[in-house]
């Protein structure tokens, strides 16, 4: 069993980008990674790594930190959505922020993005 978790924000963001661009089932087939900064370096205040667009319209941003990444998305998340291990969700008036603590939590972030786009 693997004991180490990937918590480096840049690597977590890369794993999320791979998931978003590699999945072809609806609605993920309509989602693209845009305005990527490949040489991005995590900072304590967060550094934007790339945008997330659906059908060409930007709906969010992935930001990297030394200890994880966030996915900030315009829209709302259904109240019934249950966070997965390694995911922290903040709902606000302007949208949703999904904090991704480690690489294993990327699939949970994708699930949140699917729920937001379906809402």
PDB file of N, CA and C in Angstrom:
ATOM      1  N   UNK A   1       0.840  -1.178   0.000  1.00  0.00           N
ATOM      2  CA  UNK A   1       0.000   0.000   0.000  1.00  0.00           C
ATOM      3  C   UNK A   1       0.886   1.243   0.000  1.00  0.00           C
ATOM      4  N   UNK A   2       0.505   2.243  -0.755  1.00  0.00           N
ATOM      5  CA  UNK A   2       1.266   3.484  -0.835  1.00  0.00           C
ATOM      6  C   UNK A   2       0.963   4.344   0.388  1.00  0.00           C
ATOM      7  N   UNK A   3       2.025   4.773   1.055  1.00  0.00           N
ATOM      8  CA  UNK A   3       1.862   5.594   2.246  1.00  0.00           C
ATOM      9  C   UNK A   3       1.965   7.086   1.930  1.00  0.00           C
ATOM     10  N   UNK A   4       2.697   7.446   0.874  1.00  0.00           N
ATOM     11  CA  UNK A   4       2.905   8.843   0.532  1.00  0.00           C
ATOM     12  C   UNK A   4       1.771   9.369  -0.328  1.00  0.00           C
ATOM     13  N   UNK A   5       1.401  10.597  -0.096  1.00  0.00           N
ATOM     14  CA  UNK A   5       0.394  11.270  -0.907  1.00  0.00           C
ATOM     15  C   UNK A   5       1.045  12.426  -1.631  1.00  0.00           C
ATOM     16  N   UNK A   6       0.589  12.675  -2.846  1.00  0.00           N
ATOM     17  CA  UNK A   6       1.064  13.823  -3.602  1.00  0.00           C
ATOM     18  C   UNK A   6       0.312  15.044  -3.100  1.00  0.00           C
ATOM     19  N   UNK A   7       1.036  15.954  -2.464  1.00  0.00           N
ATOM     20  CA  UNK A   7       0.400  17.157  -1.923  1.00  0.00           C
ATOM     21  C   UNK A   7       0.941  18.429  -2.571  1.00  0.00           C
ATOM     22  N   UNK A   8       1.969  18.321  -3.401  1.00  0.00           N
ATOM     23  CA  UNK A   8       2.518  19.479  -4.100  1.00  0.00           C
ATOM     24  C   UNK A   8       1.444  20.062  -5.012  1.00  0.00           C
ATOM     25  N   UNK A   9       1.141  21.341  -4.813  1.00  0.00           N
ATOM     26  CA  UNK A   9       0.054  21.980  -5.556  1.00  0.00           C
ATOM     27  C   UNK A   9       0.209  21.915  -7.062  1.00  0.00           C
ATOM     28  N   UNK A  10       1.420  22.086  -7.552  1.00  0.00           N
ATOM     29  CA  UNK A  10       1.647  22.034  -9.001  1.00  0.00           C
ATOM     30  C   UNK A  10       1.315  20.650  -9.536  1.00  0.00           C
ATOM     31  N   UNK A  11       1.749  19.628  -8.836  1.00  0.00           N
ATOM     32  CA  UNK A  11       1.482  18.252  -9.286  1.00  0.00           C
ATOM     33  C   UNK A  11      -0.011  17.922  -9.177  1.00  0.00           C
ATOM     34  N   UNK A  12      -0.666  18.367  -8.122  1.00  0.00           N
ATOM     35  CA  UNK A  12      -2.111  18.147  -7.977  1.00  0.00           C
ATOM     36  C   UNK A  12      -2.847  18.811  -9.138  1.00  0.00           C
ATOM     37  N   UNK A  13      -2.451  20.043  -9.491  1.00  0.00           N
ATOM     38  CA  UNK A  13      -3.081  20.749 -10.614  1.00  0.00           C
ATOM     39  C   UNK A  13      -2.835  20.024 -11.931  1.00  0.00           C
ATOM     40  N   UNK A  14      -1.643  19.462 -12.098  1.00  0.00           N
ATOM     41  CA  UNK A  14      -1.347  18.692 -13.313  1.00  0.00           C
ATOM     42  C   UNK A  14      -2.229  17.444 -13.403  1.00  0.00           C
ATOM     43  N   UNK A  15      -2.411  16.770 -12.286  1.00  0.00           N
ATOM     44  CA  UNK A  15      -3.279  15.584 -12.278  1.00  0.00           C
ATOM     45  C   UNK A  15      -4.718  15.966 -12.617  1.00  0.00           C
ATOM     46  N   UNK A  16      -5.188  17.091 -12.069  1.00  0.00           N
ATOM     47  CA  UNK A  16      -6.539  17.549 -12.372  1.00  0.00           C
ATOM     48  C   UNK A  16      -6.667  17.885 -13.857  1.00  0.00           C
ATOM     49  N   UNK A  17      -5.682  18.573 -14.420  1.00  0.00           N
ATOM     50  CA  UNK A  17      -5.722  18.918 -15.844  1.00  0.00           C
ATOM     51  C   UNK A  17      -5.774  17.652 -16.699  1.00  0.00           C
ATOM     52  N   UNK A  18      -5.021  16.633 -16.324  1.00  0.00           N
ATOM     53  CA  UNK A  18      -5.043  15.364 -17.060  1.00  0.00           C
ATOM     54  C   UNK A  18      -6.419  14.724 -17.023  1.00  0.00           C
ATOM     55  N   UNK A  19      -7.047  14.771 -15.871  1.00  0.00           N
ATOM     56  CA  UNK A  19      -8.404  14.220 -15.753  1.00  0.00           C
ATOM     57  C   UNK A  19      -9.388  15.000 -16.620  1.00  0.00           C
ATOM     58  N   UNK A  20      -9.313  16.313 -16.555  1.00  0.00           N
ATOM     59  CA  UNK A  20     -10.269  17.144 -17.289  1.00  0.00           C
ATOM     60  C   UNK A  20     -10.120  17.014 -18.794  1.00  0.00           C
ATOM     61  N   UNK A  21      -8.898  16.855 -19.271  1.00  0.00           N
ATOM     62  CA  UNK A  21      -8.681  16.758 -20.715  1.00  0.00           C
ATOM     63  C   UNK A  21      -8.775  15.331 -21.224  1.00  0.00           C
ATOM     64  N   UNK A  22      -8.701  14.359 -20.328  1.00  0.00           N
ATOM     65  CA  UNK A  22      -8.696  12.970 -20.760  1.00  0.00           C
ATOM     66  C   UNK A  22     -10.044  12.284 -20.739  1.00  0.00           C
ATOM     67  N   UNK A  23     -11.013  12.844 -20.051  1.00  0.00           N
ATOM     68  CA  UNK A  23     -12.319  12.205 -19.935  1.00  0.00           C
ATOM     69  C   UNK A  23     -13.241  12.688 -21.046  1.00  0.00           C
ATOM     70  N   UNK A  24     -13.946  11.760 -21.658  1.00  0.00           N
ATOM     71  CA  UNK A  24     -14.793  12.111 -22.799  1.00  0.00           C
ATOM     72  C   UNK A  24     -16.270  11.854 -22.576  1.00  0.00           C
ATOM     73  N   UNK A  25     -16.658  11.550 -21.334  1.00  0.00           N
ATOM     74  CA  UNK A  25     -18.069  11.345 -21.047  1.00  0.00           C
ATOM     75  C   UNK A  25     -18.704  12.688 -20.697  1.00  0.00           C
ATOM     76  N   UNK A  26     -19.945  12.905 -21.151  1.00  0.00           N
ATOM     77  CA  UNK A  26     -20.618  14.177 -20.860  1.00  0.00           C
ATOM     78  C   UNK A  26     -20.766  14.385 -19.354  1.00  0.00           C
ATOM     79  N   UNK A  27     -20.656  15.574 -18.841  1.00  0.00           N
ATOM     80  CA  UNK A  27     -20.376  16.841 -19.513  1.00  0.00           C
ATOM     81  C   UNK A  27     -18.884  17.123 -19.667  1.00  0.00           C
ATOM     82  N   UNK A  28     -18.029  16.181 -19.231  1.00  0.00           N
ATOM     83  CA  UNK A  28     -16.590  16.424 -19.277  1.00  0.00           C
ATOM     84  C   UNK A  28     -16.046  16.545 -20.691  1.00  0.00           C
ATOM     85  N   UNK A  29     -16.769  16.038 -21.660  1.00  0.00           N
ATOM     86  CA  UNK A  29     -16.329  16.166 -23.048  1.00  0.00           C
ATOM     87  C   UNK A  29     -16.401  17.612 -23.531  1.00  0.00           C
ATOM     88  N   UNK A  30     -17.066  18.470 -22.774  1.00  0.00           N
ATOM     89  CA  UNK A  30     -17.219  19.884 -23.146  1.00  0.00           C
ATOM     90  C   UNK A  30     -16.269  20.787 -22.371  1.00  0.00           C
ATOM     91  N   UNK A  31     -15.466  20.208 -21.489  1.00  0.00           N
ATOM     92  CA  UNK A  31     -14.586  20.985 -20.619  1.00  0.00           C
ATOM     93  C   UNK A  31     -13.169  20.991 -21.176  1.00  0.00           C
ATOM     94  N   UNK A  32     -12.552  22.175 -21.146  1.00  0.00           N
ATOM     95  CA  UNK A  32     -11.182  22.345 -21.619  1.00  0.00           C
ATOM     96  C   UNK A  32     -10.350  23.079 -20.573  1.00  0.00           C
ATOM     97  N   UNK A  33      -9.056  22.805 -20.592  1.00  0.00           N
ATOM     98  CA  UNK A  33      -8.083  23.561 -19.822  1.00  0.00           C
ATOM     99  C   UNK A  33      -7.601  24.684 -20.734  1.00  0.00           C
ATOM    100  N   UNK A  34      -7.652  25.930 -20.251  1.00  0.00           N
ATOM    101  CA  UNK A  34      -7.281  27.091 -21.070  1.00  0.00           C
ATOM    102  C   UNK A  34      -6.274  27.972 -20.319  1.00  0.00           C
ATOM    103  N   UNK A  35      -5.539  28.763 -21.095  1.00  0.00           N
ATOM    104  CA  UNK A  35      -4.616  29.754 -20.534  1.00  0.00           C
ATOM    105  C   UNK A  35      -3.654  29.146 -19.516  1.00  0.00           C
ATOM    106  N   UNK A  36      -3.126  27.973 -19.832  1.00  0.00           N
ATOM    107  CA  UNK A  36      -2.227  27.278 -18.911  1.00  0.00           C
ATOM    108  C   UNK A  36      -0.865  27.957 -18.833  1.00  0.00           C
ATOM    109  N   UNK A  37      -0.299  27.947 -17.644  1.00  0.00           N
ATOM    110  CA  UNK A  37       1.052  28.430 -17.392  1.00  0.00           C
ATOM    111  C   UNK A  37       1.875  27.227 -16.945  1.00  0.00           C
ATOM    112  N   UNK A  38       2.530  26.533 -17.894  1.00  0.00           N
ATOM    113  CA  UNK A  38       3.245  25.293 -17.567  1.00  0.00           C
ATOM    114  C   UNK A  38       4.333  25.453 -16.498  1.00  0.00           C
ATOM    115  N   UNK A  39       4.975  26.597 -16.440  1.00  0.00           N
ATOM    116  CA  UNK A  39       6.076  26.797 -15.495  1.00  0.00           C
ATOM    117  C   UNK A  39       5.614  27.409 -14.165  1.00  0.00           C
ATOM    118  N   UNK A  40       4.325  27.343 -13.891  1.00  0.00           N
ATOM    119  CA  UNK A  40       3.787  27.931 -12.668  1.00  0.00           C
ATOM    120  C   UNK A  40       4.462  27.313 -11.440  1.00  0.00           C
ATOM    121  N   UNK A  41       4.681  28.142 -10.435  1.00  0.00           N
ATOM    122  CA  UNK A  41       5.235  27.685  -9.168  1.00  0.00           C
ATOM    123  C   UNK A  41       4.273  28.057  -8.043  1.00  0.00           C
ATOM    124  N   UNK A  42       4.003  27.112  -7.156  1.00  0.00           N
ATOM    125  CA  UNK A  42       3.096  27.395  -6.033  1.00  0.00           C
ATOM    126  C   UNK A  42       3.658  28.482  -5.113  1.00  0.00           C
ATOM    127  N   UNK A  43       2.765  29.296  -4.578  1.00  0.00           N
ATOM    128  CA  UNK A  43       3.130  30.302  -3.581  1.00  0.00           C
ATOM    129  C   UNK A  43       2.146  30.223  -2.423  1.00  0.00           C
ATOM    130  N   UNK A  44       2.527  30.793  -1.308  1.00  0.00           N
ATOM    131  CA  UNK A  44       1.651  30.777  -0.133  1.00  0.00           C
ATOM    132  C   UNK A  44       0.321  31.469  -0.401  1.00  0.00           C
ATOM    133  N   UNK A  45       0.340  32.517  -1.231  1.00  0.00           N
ATOM    134  CA  UNK A  45      -0.887  33.241  -1.569  1.00  0.00           C
ATOM    135  C   UNK A  45      -1.644  32.604  -2.730  1.00  0.00           C
ATOM    136  N   UNK A  46      -1.028  31.626  -3.389  1.00  0.00           N
ATOM    137  CA  UNK A  46      -1.642  30.958  -4.531  1.00  0.00           C
ATOM    138  C   UNK A  46      -1.264  31.622  -5.840  1.00  0.00           C
ATOM    139  N   UNK A  47      -1.035  30.793  -6.847  1.00  0.00           N
ATOM    140  CA  UNK A  47      -0.693  31.265  -8.188  1.00  0.00           C
ATOM    141  C   UNK A  47      -1.607  30.565  -9.179  1.00  0.00           C
ATOM    142  N   UNK A  48      -2.243  31.343 -10.056  1.00  0.00           N
ATOM    143  CA  UNK A  48      -3.140  30.762 -11.056  1.00  0.00           C
ATOM    144  C   UNK A  48      -2.331  29.892 -12.020  1.00  0.00           C
ATOM    145  N   UNK A  49      -2.783  28.659 -12.202  1.00  0.00           N
ATOM    146  CA  UNK A  49      -2.091  27.713 -13.086  1.00  0.00           C
ATOM    147  C   UNK A  49      -2.761  27.626 -14.448  1.00  0.00           C
ATOM    148  N   UNK A  50      -4.104  27.617 -14.461  1.00  0.00           N
ATOM    149  CA  UNK A  50      -4.864  27.540 -15.716  1.00  0.00           C
ATOM    150  C   UNK A  50      -6.330  27.802 -15.454  1.00  0.00           C
ATOM    151  N   UNK A  51      -7.030  28.041 -16.542  1.00  0.00           N
ATOM    152  CA  UNK A  51      -8.464  28.237 -16.466  1.00  0.00           C
ATOM    153  C   UNK A  51      -9.194  26.969 -16.884  1.00  0.00           C
ATOM    154  N   UNK A  52     -10.454  26.919 -16.535  1.00  0.00           N
ATOM    155  CA  UNK A  52     -11.331  25.823 -16.929  1.00  0.00           C
ATOM    156  C   UNK A  52     -12.479  26.435 -17.715  1.00  0.00           C
ATOM    157  N   UNK A  53     -12.727  25.890 -18.898  1.00  0.00           N
ATOM    158  CA  UNK A  53     -13.787  26.418 -19.768  1.00  0.00           C
ATOM    159  C   UNK A  53     -14.735  25.299 -20.150  1.00  0.00           C
ATOM    160  N   UNK A  54     -15.993  25.672 -20.347  1.00  0.00           N
ATOM    161  CA  UNK A  54     -16.980  24.726 -20.856  1.00  0.00           C
ATOM    162  C   UNK A  54     -17.565  25.348 -22.119  1.00  0.00           C
ATOM    163  N   UNK A  55     -17.525  24.592 -23.174  1.00  0.00           N
ATOM    164  CA  UNK A  55     -17.972  25.078 -24.484  1.00  0.00           C
ATOM    165  C   UNK A  55     -17.306  26.407 -24.859  1.00  0.00           C
ATOM    166  N   UNK A  56     -16.044  26.576 -24.483  1.00  0.00           N
ATOM    167  CA  UNK A  56     -15.298  27.780 -24.827  1.00  0.00           C
ATOM    168  C   UNK A  56     -15.455  28.941 -23.871  1.00  0.00           C
ATOM    169  N   UNK A  57     -16.389  28.863 -22.926  1.00  0.00           N
ATOM    170  CA  UNK A  57     -16.594  29.937 -21.955  1.00  0.00           C
ATOM    171  C   UNK A  57     -15.894  29.594 -20.646  1.00  0.00           C
ATOM    172  N   UNK A  58     -15.015  30.472 -20.222  1.00  0.00           N
ATOM    173  CA  UNK A  58     -14.273  30.229 -18.979  1.00  0.00           C
ATOM    174  C   UNK A  58     -15.220  30.263 -17.787  1.00  0.00           C
ATOM    175  N   UNK A  59     -15.149  29.212 -16.974  1.00  0.00           N
ATOM    176  CA  UNK A  59     -16.015  29.117 -15.800  1.00  0.00           C
ATOM    177  C   UNK A  59     -15.242  29.049 -14.498  1.00  0.00           C
ATOM    178  N   UNK A  60     -13.918  28.904 -14.590  1.00  0.00           N
ATOM    179  CA  UNK A  60     -13.163  28.766 -13.358  1.00  0.00           C
ATOM    180  C   UNK A  60     -11.669  28.857 -13.539  1.00  0.00           C
ATOM    181  N   UNK A  61     -10.977  28.762 -12.397  1.00  0.00           N
ATOM    182  CA  UNK A  61      -9.527  28.862 -12.345  1.00  0.00           C
ATOM    183  C   UNK A  61      -8.982  27.836 -11.361  1.00  0.00           C
ATOM    184  N   UNK A  62      -7.855  27.242 -11.735  1.00  0.00           N
ATOM    185  CA  UNK A  62      -7.131  26.357 -10.819  1.00  0.00           C
ATOM    186  C   UNK A  62      -5.916  27.132 -10.316  1.00  0.00           C
ATOM    187  N   UNK A  63      -5.769  27.187  -9.002  1.00  0.00           N
ATOM    188  CA  UNK A  63      -4.700  27.921  -8.343  1.00  0.00           C
ATOM    189  C   UNK A  63      -3.859  26.931  -7.536  1.00  0.00           C
ATOM    190  N   UNK A  64      -2.532  27.120  -7.586  1.00  0.00           N
ATOM    191  CA  UNK A  64      -1.642  26.196  -6.883  1.00  0.00           C
ATOM    192  C   UNK A  64      -1.050  26.841  -5.640  1.00  0.00           C
ATOM    193  N   UNK A  65      -0.932  26.043  -4.599  1.00  0.00           N
ATOM    194  CA  UNK A  65      -0.341  26.403  -3.319  1.00  0.00           C
ATOM    195  C   UNK A  65       0.715  25.359  -2.994  1.00  0.00           C
ATOM    196  N   UNK A  66       1.595  25.610  -2.055  1.00  0.00           N
ATOM    197  CA  UNK A  66       2.600  24.596  -1.724  1.00  0.00           C
ATOM    198  C   UNK A  66       2.002  23.270  -1.236  1.00  0.00           C
ATOM    199  N   UNK A  67       0.816  23.329  -0.645  1.00  0.00           N
ATOM    200  CA  UNK A  67       0.228  22.129  -0.046  1.00  0.00           C
ATOM    201  C   UNK A  67      -1.103  21.724  -0.676  1.00  0.00           C
ATOM    202  N   UNK A  68      -1.284  21.982  -1.951  1.00  0.00           N
ATOM    203  CA  UNK A  68      -2.520  21.580  -2.628  1.00  0.00           C
ATOM    204  C   UNK A  68      -2.898  22.578  -3.703  1.00  0.00           C
ATOM    205  N   UNK A  69      -4.117  22.457  -4.165  1.00  0.00           N
ATOM    206  CA  UNK A  69      -4.617  23.339  -5.222  1.00  0.00           C
ATOM    207  C   UNK A  69      -6.081  23.645  -4.958  1.00  0.00           C
ATOM    208  N   UNK A  70      -6.570  24.705  -5.588  1.00  0.00           N
ATOM    209  CA  UNK A  70      -7.996  25.013  -5.513  1.00  0.00           C
ATOM    210  C   UNK A  70      -8.563  25.115  -6.917  1.00  0.00           C
ATOM    211  N   UNK A  71      -9.810  24.754  -7.030  1.00  0.00           N
ATOM    212  CA  UNK A  71     -10.591  24.920  -8.242  1.00  0.00           C
ATOM    213  C   UNK A  71     -11.716  25.878  -7.883  1.00  0.00           C
ATOM    214  N   UNK A  72     -11.640  27.099  -8.405  1.00  0.00           N
ATOM    215  CA  UNK A  72     -12.674  28.106  -8.162  1.00  0.00           C
ATOM    216  C   UNK A  72     -13.568  28.150  -9.388  1.00  0.00           C
ATOM    217  N   UNK A  73     -14.872  27.947  -9.189  1.00  0.00           N
ATOM    218  CA  UNK A  73     -15.795  27.815 -10.314  1.00  0.00           C
ATOM    219  C   UNK A  73     -17.004  28.714 -10.109  1.00  0.00           C
ATOM    220  N   UNK A  74     -17.404  29.414 -11.189  1.00  0.00           N
ATOM    221  CA  UNK A  74     -18.655  30.160 -11.177  1.00  0.00           C
ATOM    222  C   UNK A  74     -19.792  29.139 -11.159  1.00  0.00           C
ATOM    223  N   UNK A  75     -20.799  29.413 -10.397  1.00  0.00           N
ATOM    224  CA  UNK A  75     -21.941  28.506 -10.338  1.00  0.00           C
ATOM    225  C   UNK A  75     -22.225  28.074  -8.921  1.00  0.00           C
ATOM    226  N   UNK A  76     -23.082  27.083  -8.805  1.00  0.00           N
ATOM    227  CA  UNK A  76     -23.458  26.591  -7.486  1.00  0.00           C
ATOM    228  C   UNK A  76     -23.343  25.078  -7.448  1.00  0.00           C
ATOM    229  N   UNK A  77     -23.204  24.591  -6.247  1.00  0.00           N
ATOM    230  CA  UNK A  77     -23.070  23.154  -6.018  1.00  0.00           C
ATOM    231  C   UNK A  77     -24.304  22.693  -5.262  1.00  0.00           C
ATOM    232  N   UNK A  78     -24.958  21.631  -5.739  1.00  0.00           N
ATOM    233  CA  UNK A  78     -26.145  21.155  -5.027  1.00  0.00           C
ATOM    234  C   UNK A  78     -25.849  20.868  -3.552  1.00  0.00           C
ATOM    235  N   UNK A  79     -26.776  21.238  -2.686  1.00  0.00           N
ATOM    236  CA  UNK A  79     -26.592  21.009  -1.247  1.00  0.00           C
ATOM    237  C   UNK A  79     -26.356  19.545  -0.921  1.00  0.00           C
ATOM    238  N   UNK A  80     -26.884  18.659  -1.739  1.00  0.00           N
ATOM    239  CA  UNK A  80     -26.752  17.224  -1.489  1.00  0.00           C
ATOM    240  C   UNK A  80     -25.364  16.690  -1.814  1.00  0.00           C
ATOM    241  N   UNK A  81     -24.513  17.502  -2.457  1.00  0.00           N
ATOM    242  CA  UNK A  81     -23.179  17.033  -2.820  1.00  0.00           C
ATOM    243  C   UNK A  81     -22.380  16.722  -1.563  1.00  0.00           C
ATOM    244  N   UNK A  82     -21.760  15.533  -1.540  1.00  0.00           N
ATOM    245  CA  UNK A  82     -20.941  15.124  -0.409  1.00  0.00           C
ATOM    246  C   UNK A  82     -19.479  15.152  -0.810  1.00  0.00           C
ATOM    247  N   UNK A  83     -18.683  15.852  -0.044  1.00  0.00           N
ATOM    248  CA  UNK A  83     -17.255  15.960  -0.326  1.00  0.00           C
ATOM    249  C   UNK A  83     -16.563  14.624  -0.106  1.00  0.00           C
ATOM    250  N   UNK A  84     -15.589  14.355  -0.949  1.00  0.00           N
ATOM    251  CA  UNK A  84     -14.775  13.154  -0.813  1.00  0.00           C
ATOM    252  C   UNK A  84     -13.602  13.440   0.121  1.00  0.00           C
ATOM    253  N   UNK A  85     -12.885  12.407   0.504  1.00  0.00           N
ATOM    254  CA  UNK A  85     -11.686  12.547   1.312  1.00  0.00           C
ATOM    255  C   UNK A  85     -10.682  13.428   0.567  1.00  0.00           C
ATOM    256  N   UNK A  86     -10.141  14.413   1.242  1.00  0.00           N
ATOM    257  CA  UNK A  86      -9.157  15.293   0.632  1.00  0.00           C
ATOM    258  C   UNK A  86      -9.738  16.472  -0.100  1.00  0.00           C
ATOM    259  N   UNK A  87     -11.052  16.648  -0.034  1.00  0.00           N
ATOM    260  CA  UNK A  87     -11.749  17.755  -0.699  1.00  0.00           C
ATOM    261  C   UNK A  87     -12.429  18.606   0.366  1.00  0.00           C
ATOM    262  N   UNK A  88     -12.251  19.904   0.253  1.00  0.00           N
ATOM    263  CA  UNK A  88     -12.956  20.847   1.113  1.00  0.00           C
ATOM    264  C   UNK A  88     -13.698  21.814   0.198  1.00  0.00           C
ATOM    265  N   UNK A  89     -14.996  21.951   0.393  1.00  0.00           N
ATOM    266  CA  UNK A  89     -15.817  22.777  -0.486  1.00  0.00           C
ATOM    267  C   UNK A  89     -16.327  24.000   0.263  1.00  0.00           C
ATOM    268  N   UNK A  90     -16.133  25.160  -0.352  1.00  0.00           N
ATOM    269  CA  UNK A  90     -16.679  26.411   0.181  1.00  0.00           C
ATOM    270  C   UNK A  90     -17.673  26.957  -0.829  1.00  0.00           C
ATOM    271  N   UNK A  91     -18.902  27.152  -0.385  1.00  0.00           N
ATOM    272  CA  UNK A  91     -19.939  27.739  -1.239  1.00  0.00           C
ATOM    273  C   UNK A  91     -20.062  29.214  -0.905  1.00  0.00           C
ATOM    274  N   UNK A  92     -20.143  30.041  -1.934  1.00  0.00           N
ATOM    275  CA  UNK A  92     -20.284  31.475  -1.726  1.00  0.00           C
ATOM    276  C   UNK A  92     -21.225  32.073  -2.747  1.00  0.00           C
ATOM    277  N   UNK A  93     -21.463  33.368  -2.617  1.00  0.00           N
ATOM    278  CA  UNK A  93     -22.350  34.059  -3.547  1.00  0.00           C
ATOM    279  C   UNK A  93     -21.772  34.106  -4.959  1.00  0.00           C
ATOM    280  N   UNK A  94     -20.456  34.143  -5.065  1.00  0.00           N
ATOM    281  CA  UNK A  94     -19.794  34.267  -6.361  1.00  0.00           C
ATOM    282  C   UNK A  94     -19.481  32.919  -7.006  1.00  0.00           C
ATOM    283  N   UNK A  95     -19.648  31.832  -6.283  1.00  0.00           N
ATOM    284  CA  UNK A  95     -19.334  30.523  -6.848  1.00  0.00           C
ATOM    285  C   UNK A  95     -18.885  29.539  -5.789  1.00  0.00           C
ATOM    286  N   UNK A  96     -18.116  28.564  -6.246  1.00  0.00           N
ATOM    287  CA  UNK A  96     -17.677  27.473  -5.382  1.00  0.00           C
ATOM    288  C   UNK A  96     -16.155  27.377  -5.454  1.00  0.00           C
ATOM    289  N   UNK A  97     -15.526  27.155  -4.292  1.00  0.00           N
ATOM    290  CA  UNK A  97     -14.098  26.899  -4.245  1.00  0.00           C
ATOM    291  C   UNK A  97     -13.910  25.486  -3.698  1.00  0.00           C
ATOM    292  N   UNK A  98     -13.233  24.657  -4.494  1.00  0.00           N
ATOM    293  CA  UNK A  98     -12.955  23.281  -4.108  1.00  0.00           C
ATOM    294  C   UNK A  98     -11.470  23.188  -3.794  1.00  0.00           C
ATOM    295  N   UNK A  99     -11.142  22.934  -2.548  1.00  0.00           N
ATOM    296  CA  UNK A  99      -9.733  22.767  -2.143  1.00  0.00           C
ATOM    297  C   UNK A  99      -9.378  21.300  -2.298  1.00  0.00           C
ATOM    298  N   UNK A 100      -8.307  21.041  -3.042  1.00  0.00           N
ATOM    299  CA  UNK A 100      -7.851  19.683  -3.321  1.00  0.00           C
ATOM    300  C   UNK A 100      -6.555  19.481  -2.539  1.00  0.00           C
ATOM    301  N   UNK A 101      -6.596  18.640  -1.522  1.00  0.00           N
ATOM    302  CA  UNK A 101      -5.468  18.494  -0.609  1.00  0.00           C
ATOM    303  C   UNK A 101      -4.376  17.558  -1.111  1.00  0.00           C
ATOM    304  N   UNK A 102      -4.745  16.594  -1.966  1.00  0.00           N
ATOM    305  CA  UNK A 102      -3.749  15.639  -2.449  1.00  0.00           C
ATOM    306  C   UNK A 102      -4.200  15.042  -3.775  1.00  0.00           C
ATOM    307  N   UNK A 103      -3.268  14.383  -4.454  1.00  0.00           N
ATOM    308  CA  UNK A 103      -3.540  13.828  -5.773  1.00  0.00           C
ATOM    309  C   UNK A 103      -4.682  12.842  -5.806  1.00  0.00           C
ATOM    310  N   UNK A 104      -4.855  12.079  -4.746  1.00  0.00           N
ATOM    311  CA  UNK A 104      -5.944  11.105  -4.696  1.00  0.00           C
ATOM    312  C   UNK A 104      -7.321  11.744  -4.639  1.00  0.00           C
ATOM    313  N   UNK A 105      -7.377  13.035  -4.337  1.00  0.00           N
ATOM    314  CA  UNK A 105      -8.651  13.739  -4.228  1.00  0.00           C
ATOM    315  C   UNK A 105      -9.089  14.374  -5.550  1.00  0.00           C
ATOM    316  N   UNK A 106      -8.279  14.231  -6.586  1.00  0.00           N
ATOM    317  CA  UNK A 106      -8.602  14.852  -7.877  1.00  0.00           C
ATOM    318  C   UNK A 106      -9.933  14.352  -8.419  1.00  0.00           C
ATOM    319  N   UNK A 107     -10.205  13.072  -8.301  1.00  0.00           N
ATOM    320  CA  UNK A 107     -11.472  12.533  -8.810  1.00  0.00           C
ATOM    321  C   UNK A 107     -12.658  13.157  -8.078  1.00  0.00           C
ATOM    322  N   UNK A 108     -12.514  13.439  -6.803  1.00  0.00           N
ATOM    323  CA  UNK A 108     -13.566  14.130  -6.059  1.00  0.00           C
ATOM    324  C   UNK A 108     -13.789  15.547  -6.563  1.00  0.00           C
ATOM    325  N   UNK A 109     -12.700  16.213  -6.962  1.00  0.00           N
ATOM    326  CA  UNK A 109     -12.824  17.552  -7.530  1.00  0.00           C
ATOM    327  C   UNK A 109     -13.529  17.498  -8.878  1.00  0.00           C
ATOM    328  N   UNK A 110     -13.248  16.470  -9.664  1.00  0.00           N
ATOM    329  CA  UNK A 110     -13.941  16.291 -10.948  1.00  0.00           C
ATOM    330  C   UNK A 110     -15.423  16.058 -10.699  1.00  0.00           C
ATOM    331  N   UNK A 111     -15.750  15.259  -9.689  1.00  0.00           N
ATOM    332  CA  UNK A 111     -17.154  15.024  -9.354  1.00  0.00           C
ATOM    333  C   UNK A 111     -17.847  16.330  -8.975  1.00  0.00           C
ATOM    334  N   UNK A 112     -17.157  17.179  -8.222  1.00  0.00           N
ATOM    335  CA  UNK A 112     -17.726  18.482  -7.846  1.00  0.00           C
ATOM    336  C   UNK A 112     -17.950  19.335  -9.086  1.00  0.00           C
ATOM    337  N   UNK A 113     -16.999  19.337 -10.010  1.00  0.00           N
ATOM    338  CA  UNK A 113     -17.136  20.122 -11.236  1.00  0.00           C
ATOM    339  C   UNK A 113     -18.319  19.622 -12.064  1.00  0.00           C
ATOM    340  N   UNK A 114     -18.489  18.320 -12.140  1.00  0.00           N
ATOM    341  CA  UNK A 114     -19.640  17.753 -12.853  1.00  0.00           C
ATOM    342  C   UNK A 114     -20.947  18.203 -12.200  1.00  0.00           C
ATOM    343  N   UNK A 115     -20.993  18.158 -10.866  1.00  0.00           N
ATOM    344  CA  UNK A 115     -22.207  18.581 -10.152  1.00  0.00           C
ATOM    345  C   UNK A 115     -22.494  20.064 -10.363  1.00  0.00           C
ATOM    346  N   UNK A 116     -21.442  20.888 -10.406  1.00  0.00           N
ATOM    347  CA  UNK A 116     -21.626  22.324 -10.629  1.00  0.00           C
ATOM    348  C   UNK A 116     -22.139  22.588 -12.036  1.00  0.00           C
ATOM    349  N   UNK A 117     -21.587  21.923 -13.026  1.00  0.00           N
ATOM    350  CA  UNK A 117     -22.017  22.157 -14.398  1.00  0.00           C
ATOM    351  C   UNK A 117     -23.407  21.604 -14.660  1.00  0.00           C
ATOM    352  N   UNK A 118     -23.844  20.643 -13.857  1.00  0.00           N
ATOM    353  CA  UNK A 118     -25.170  20.071 -14.038  1.00  0.00           C
ATOM    354  C   UNK A 118     -26.247  20.881 -13.308  1.00  0.00           C
ATOM    355  N   UNK A 119     -25.809  21.709 -12.344  1.00  0.00           N
ATOM    356  CA  UNK A 119     -26.771  22.477 -11.529  1.00  0.00           C
ATOM    357  C   UNK A 119     -27.430  23.586 -12.317  1.00  0.00           C
TER     358      UNK A 119
END
